[in-house]
N, C-alpha and C. Protein backbone atom coordinates (compact mmCIF):
# COMPACT_ATOMS: atom_id res chain seq x y z
N MET A 1 17.73 -6.91 10.62
CA MET A 1 16.30 -7.10 10.55
C MET A 1 15.88 -6.92 9.10
N LYS A 2 15.06 -7.83 8.65
CA LYS A 2 14.67 -7.84 7.24
C LYS A 2 13.17 -7.58 7.11
N PHE A 3 12.82 -6.71 6.18
CA PHE A 3 11.42 -6.43 5.87
C PHE A 3 10.89 -7.47 4.90
N LYS A 4 9.60 -7.77 5.01
CA LYS A 4 8.96 -8.66 4.04
C LYS A 4 8.90 -7.95 2.69
N THR A 5 9.09 -8.70 1.62
CA THR A 5 9.01 -8.14 0.28
C THR A 5 8.15 -9.04 -0.60
N LEU A 6 7.70 -8.47 -1.69
CA LEU A 6 6.86 -9.20 -2.63
C LEU A 6 6.99 -8.56 -4.01
N ASP A 7 7.20 -9.38 -5.02
CA ASP A 7 7.12 -8.92 -6.41
C ASP A 7 5.72 -9.29 -6.89
N LEU A 8 4.91 -8.27 -7.15
CA LEU A 8 3.53 -8.48 -7.55
C LEU A 8 3.38 -8.13 -9.03
N GLU A 9 2.95 -9.10 -9.81
CA GLU A 9 2.75 -8.87 -11.24
C GLU A 9 1.28 -8.57 -11.50
N ILE A 10 1.06 -7.42 -12.14
CA ILE A 10 -0.29 -7.01 -12.52
C ILE A 10 -0.25 -6.59 -13.98
N ASN A 11 -1.05 -7.22 -14.80
CA ASN A 11 -1.12 -6.89 -16.24
C ASN A 11 0.25 -6.88 -16.90
N GLY A 12 1.10 -7.82 -16.52
CA GLY A 12 2.42 -7.95 -17.13
C GLY A 12 3.49 -7.03 -16.57
N GLU A 13 3.14 -6.16 -15.64
CA GLU A 13 4.11 -5.26 -15.02
C GLU A 13 4.40 -5.74 -13.60
N VAL A 14 5.68 -5.74 -13.23
CA VAL A 14 6.08 -6.19 -11.90
C VAL A 14 6.24 -4.98 -10.97
N PHE A 15 5.58 -5.05 -9.83
CA PHE A 15 5.66 -4.01 -8.81
C PHE A 15 6.41 -4.59 -7.62
N LYS A 16 7.44 -3.90 -7.17
CA LYS A 16 8.28 -4.34 -6.06
C LYS A 16 7.74 -3.72 -4.77
N LEU A 17 7.21 -4.59 -3.91
CA LEU A 17 6.59 -4.15 -2.67
C LEU A 17 7.45 -4.51 -1.47
N GLN A 18 7.36 -3.68 -0.44
CA GLN A 18 8.03 -3.94 0.83
C GLN A 18 7.11 -3.49 1.94
N GLU A 19 7.08 -4.25 3.03
CA GLU A 19 6.25 -3.84 4.15
C GLU A 19 6.73 -2.48 4.64
N ILE A 20 5.80 -1.68 5.15
CA ILE A 20 6.18 -0.37 5.66
C ILE A 20 6.69 -0.53 7.10
N SER A 21 7.54 0.40 7.50
CA SER A 21 8.13 0.34 8.83
C SER A 21 7.15 0.85 9.89
N ALA A 22 7.48 0.63 11.14
CA ALA A 22 6.65 1.13 12.24
C ALA A 22 6.58 2.65 12.18
N ARG A 23 7.68 3.30 11.84
CA ARG A 23 7.68 4.76 11.72
C ARG A 23 6.76 5.22 10.60
N GLN A 24 6.78 4.50 9.47
CA GLN A 24 5.90 4.85 8.36
C GLN A 24 4.44 4.62 8.74
N ARG A 25 4.17 3.55 9.49
CA ARG A 25 2.80 3.32 9.99
C ARG A 25 2.33 4.51 10.80
N GLN A 26 3.20 4.94 11.72
CA GLN A 26 2.87 6.07 12.58
C GLN A 26 2.59 7.32 11.74
N GLU A 27 3.43 7.57 10.77
CA GLU A 27 3.25 8.72 9.88
C GLU A 27 1.92 8.62 9.13
N LEU A 28 1.61 7.44 8.63
CA LEU A 28 0.37 7.21 7.90
C LEU A 28 -0.85 7.44 8.80
N PHE A 29 -0.83 6.85 9.99
CA PHE A 29 -1.95 6.99 10.91
C PHE A 29 -2.12 8.44 11.36
N ASN A 30 -1.03 9.12 11.68
CA ASN A 30 -1.11 10.50 12.15
C ASN A 30 -1.58 11.45 11.05
N ALA A 31 -1.15 11.21 9.84
CA ALA A 31 -1.52 12.10 8.73
C ALA A 31 -2.95 11.90 8.27
N TYR A 32 -3.49 10.69 8.46
CA TYR A 32 -4.78 10.38 7.86
C TYR A 32 -5.84 9.91 8.85
N LYS A 33 -5.73 10.32 10.10
CA LYS A 33 -6.76 9.94 11.07
C LYS A 33 -7.95 10.92 11.00
N GLY A 34 -9.05 10.52 11.54
CA GLY A 34 -10.22 11.39 11.59
C GLY A 34 -10.93 11.53 10.26
N GLU A 35 -10.99 12.74 9.77
CA GLU A 35 -11.75 13.07 8.57
C GLU A 35 -10.94 12.89 7.28
N ALA A 36 -9.87 12.18 7.34
CA ALA A 36 -8.97 12.04 6.20
C ALA A 36 -9.62 11.30 5.04
N ASP A 37 -9.10 11.57 3.86
CA ASP A 37 -9.54 10.91 2.63
C ASP A 37 -8.89 9.53 2.57
N PRO A 38 -9.67 8.45 2.62
CA PRO A 38 -9.08 7.11 2.62
C PRO A 38 -8.34 6.78 1.32
N ILE A 39 -8.75 7.36 0.21
CA ILE A 39 -8.06 7.11 -1.05
C ILE A 39 -6.67 7.75 -1.02
N GLU A 40 -6.57 8.93 -0.46
CA GLU A 40 -5.26 9.58 -0.33
C GLU A 40 -4.35 8.79 0.61
N ALA A 41 -4.92 8.25 1.67
CA ALA A 41 -4.14 7.42 2.60
C ALA A 41 -3.63 6.16 1.89
N GLN A 42 -4.47 5.56 1.04
CA GLN A 42 -4.02 4.39 0.27
C GLN A 42 -2.90 4.79 -0.69
N ALA A 43 -3.03 5.96 -1.32
CA ALA A 43 -1.98 6.42 -2.23
C ALA A 43 -0.66 6.59 -1.49
N LYS A 44 -0.72 7.15 -0.28
CA LYS A 44 0.49 7.32 0.52
C LYS A 44 1.09 5.96 0.89
N SER A 45 0.24 4.98 1.19
CA SER A 45 0.77 3.65 1.51
C SER A 45 1.46 3.03 0.31
N ILE A 46 0.94 3.29 -0.89
CA ILE A 46 1.60 2.80 -2.11
C ILE A 46 2.95 3.47 -2.28
N GLN A 47 3.01 4.78 -2.06
CA GLN A 47 4.29 5.50 -2.14
C GLN A 47 5.31 4.90 -1.18
N MET A 48 4.87 4.60 0.03
CA MET A 48 5.77 4.09 1.05
C MET A 48 6.20 2.65 0.80
N GLY A 49 5.30 1.83 0.27
CA GLY A 49 5.55 0.40 0.19
C GLY A 49 5.85 -0.15 -1.19
N CYS A 50 5.83 0.68 -2.21
CA CYS A 50 6.08 0.20 -3.58
C CYS A 50 7.19 1.03 -4.19
N SER A 51 8.34 0.40 -4.41
CA SER A 51 9.50 1.15 -4.90
C SER A 51 9.25 1.79 -6.27
N ASN A 52 8.31 1.26 -7.04
CA ASN A 52 7.98 1.84 -8.34
C ASN A 52 7.42 3.26 -8.19
N PHE A 53 6.90 3.61 -7.00
CA PHE A 53 6.24 4.90 -6.81
C PHE A 53 6.88 5.77 -5.75
N LYS A 54 8.03 5.38 -5.20
CA LYS A 54 8.66 6.16 -4.13
C LYS A 54 8.98 7.59 -4.56
N ASP A 55 9.34 7.79 -5.81
CA ASP A 55 9.70 9.13 -6.30
C ASP A 55 8.57 9.82 -7.04
N LYS A 56 7.37 9.28 -6.96
CA LYS A 56 6.21 9.87 -7.63
C LYS A 56 5.41 10.71 -6.64
N SER A 57 4.72 11.71 -7.16
CA SER A 57 3.85 12.53 -6.31
C SER A 57 2.56 11.76 -6.02
N LEU A 58 1.83 12.22 -5.01
CA LEU A 58 0.54 11.60 -4.72
C LEU A 58 -0.39 11.71 -5.92
N ASP A 59 -0.34 12.84 -6.61
CA ASP A 59 -1.18 13.01 -7.80
C ASP A 59 -0.85 11.97 -8.86
N GLU A 60 0.43 11.67 -9.04
CA GLU A 60 0.83 10.65 -10.03
C GLU A 60 0.34 9.27 -9.61
N VAL A 61 0.40 8.98 -8.32
CA VAL A 61 -0.10 7.69 -7.82
C VAL A 61 -1.61 7.61 -8.02
N LEU A 62 -2.30 8.70 -7.75
CA LEU A 62 -3.75 8.73 -7.88
C LEU A 62 -4.22 8.64 -9.33
N ASP A 63 -3.34 8.94 -10.28
CA ASP A 63 -3.71 8.89 -11.70
C ASP A 63 -3.61 7.50 -12.32
N MET A 64 -3.14 6.49 -11.56
CA MET A 64 -3.05 5.15 -12.13
C MET A 64 -4.45 4.52 -12.22
N PRO A 65 -4.61 3.49 -13.04
CA PRO A 65 -5.91 2.82 -13.14
C PRO A 65 -6.38 2.34 -11.76
N GLY A 66 -7.69 2.48 -11.52
CA GLY A 66 -8.26 2.17 -10.21
C GLY A 66 -8.06 0.75 -9.74
N THR A 67 -8.14 -0.21 -10.66
CA THR A 67 -7.98 -1.60 -10.23
C THR A 67 -6.55 -1.89 -9.81
N ILE A 68 -5.58 -1.32 -10.51
CA ILE A 68 -4.17 -1.51 -10.13
C ILE A 68 -3.92 -0.81 -8.79
N PHE A 69 -4.46 0.40 -8.64
CA PHE A 69 -4.34 1.15 -7.39
C PHE A 69 -4.83 0.31 -6.21
N THR A 70 -6.03 -0.25 -6.34
CA THR A 70 -6.61 -1.05 -5.27
C THR A 70 -5.78 -2.29 -4.97
N ASP A 71 -5.34 -2.97 -6.03
CA ASP A 71 -4.52 -4.18 -5.83
C ASP A 71 -3.22 -3.84 -5.09
N LEU A 72 -2.57 -2.74 -5.48
CA LEU A 72 -1.31 -2.36 -4.83
C LEU A 72 -1.53 -1.94 -3.37
N ALA A 73 -2.54 -1.11 -3.14
CA ALA A 73 -2.81 -0.65 -1.77
C ALA A 73 -3.12 -1.84 -0.87
N ASP A 74 -3.96 -2.75 -1.34
CA ASP A 74 -4.30 -3.93 -0.55
C ASP A 74 -3.07 -4.78 -0.25
N ALA A 75 -2.23 -4.97 -1.26
CA ALA A 75 -1.03 -5.81 -1.09
C ALA A 75 -0.04 -5.19 -0.09
N VAL A 76 0.18 -3.88 -0.19
CA VAL A 76 1.09 -3.20 0.75
C VAL A 76 0.56 -3.31 2.17
N MET A 77 -0.74 -3.08 2.34
CA MET A 77 -1.30 -3.14 3.68
C MET A 77 -1.24 -4.56 4.25
N LYS A 78 -1.56 -5.54 3.44
CA LYS A 78 -1.51 -6.92 3.91
C LYS A 78 -0.07 -7.33 4.24
N LEU A 79 0.87 -6.98 3.38
CA LEU A 79 2.28 -7.29 3.61
C LEU A 79 2.78 -6.64 4.90
N SER A 80 2.20 -5.49 5.24
CA SER A 80 2.62 -4.73 6.43
C SER A 80 1.83 -5.11 7.67
N GLY A 81 0.98 -6.14 7.56
CA GLY A 81 0.20 -6.57 8.71
C GLY A 81 -0.98 -5.67 9.01
N LEU A 82 -1.38 -4.86 8.04
CA LEU A 82 -2.48 -3.93 8.25
C LEU A 82 -3.67 -4.22 7.36
N GLY A 83 -3.60 -5.33 6.64
CA GLY A 83 -4.66 -5.66 5.70
C GLY A 83 -5.93 -6.07 6.38
N ASP A 84 -6.98 -6.15 5.59
CA ASP A 84 -8.30 -6.55 6.05
C ASP A 84 -8.26 -8.04 6.36
N ASP A 85 -8.81 -8.43 7.48
CA ASP A 85 -8.81 -9.83 7.91
C ASP A 85 -9.95 -10.64 7.31
N LYS A 86 -10.78 -10.06 6.45
CA LYS A 86 -11.92 -10.79 5.89
C LYS A 86 -11.48 -12.04 5.15
N ASP A 87 -10.40 -11.93 4.36
CA ASP A 87 -9.91 -13.10 3.62
C ASP A 87 -9.44 -14.18 4.57
N ASP A 88 -8.77 -13.78 5.66
CA ASP A 88 -8.29 -14.76 6.63
C ASP A 88 -9.46 -15.48 7.30
N GLU A 89 -10.54 -14.74 7.58
CA GLU A 89 -11.71 -15.33 8.22
C GLU A 89 -12.39 -16.34 7.29
N LYS A 90 -12.41 -16.03 5.99
CA LYS A 90 -13.03 -16.93 5.02
C LYS A 90 -12.28 -18.25 4.94
N ASN A 91 -10.96 -18.18 5.10
CA ASN A 91 -10.12 -19.37 4.96
C ASN A 91 -10.01 -20.17 6.25
N SER A 92 -10.60 -19.69 7.32
CA SER A 92 -10.51 -20.39 8.61
C SER A 92 -11.51 -21.51 8.71
């Protein structure tokens, strides 16, 4: 079984992304349900789905520029089938 992957270039740097597994989804949902901080949940999704950040702490992920953070979090979620459907609706 093969996971979806994507090399995403942002500002000249290549980020290697992979869809997160069902187990990782479960971990993400369980850890960040309810009153959770959505930014921290996005940081965790980047850790899980971007090999450039697998060995980084959440604080290190949170210290990256906001636009890159948002682009990476959105790409990981979309690649994992968890992205926002607004773009899909616009293209329909």
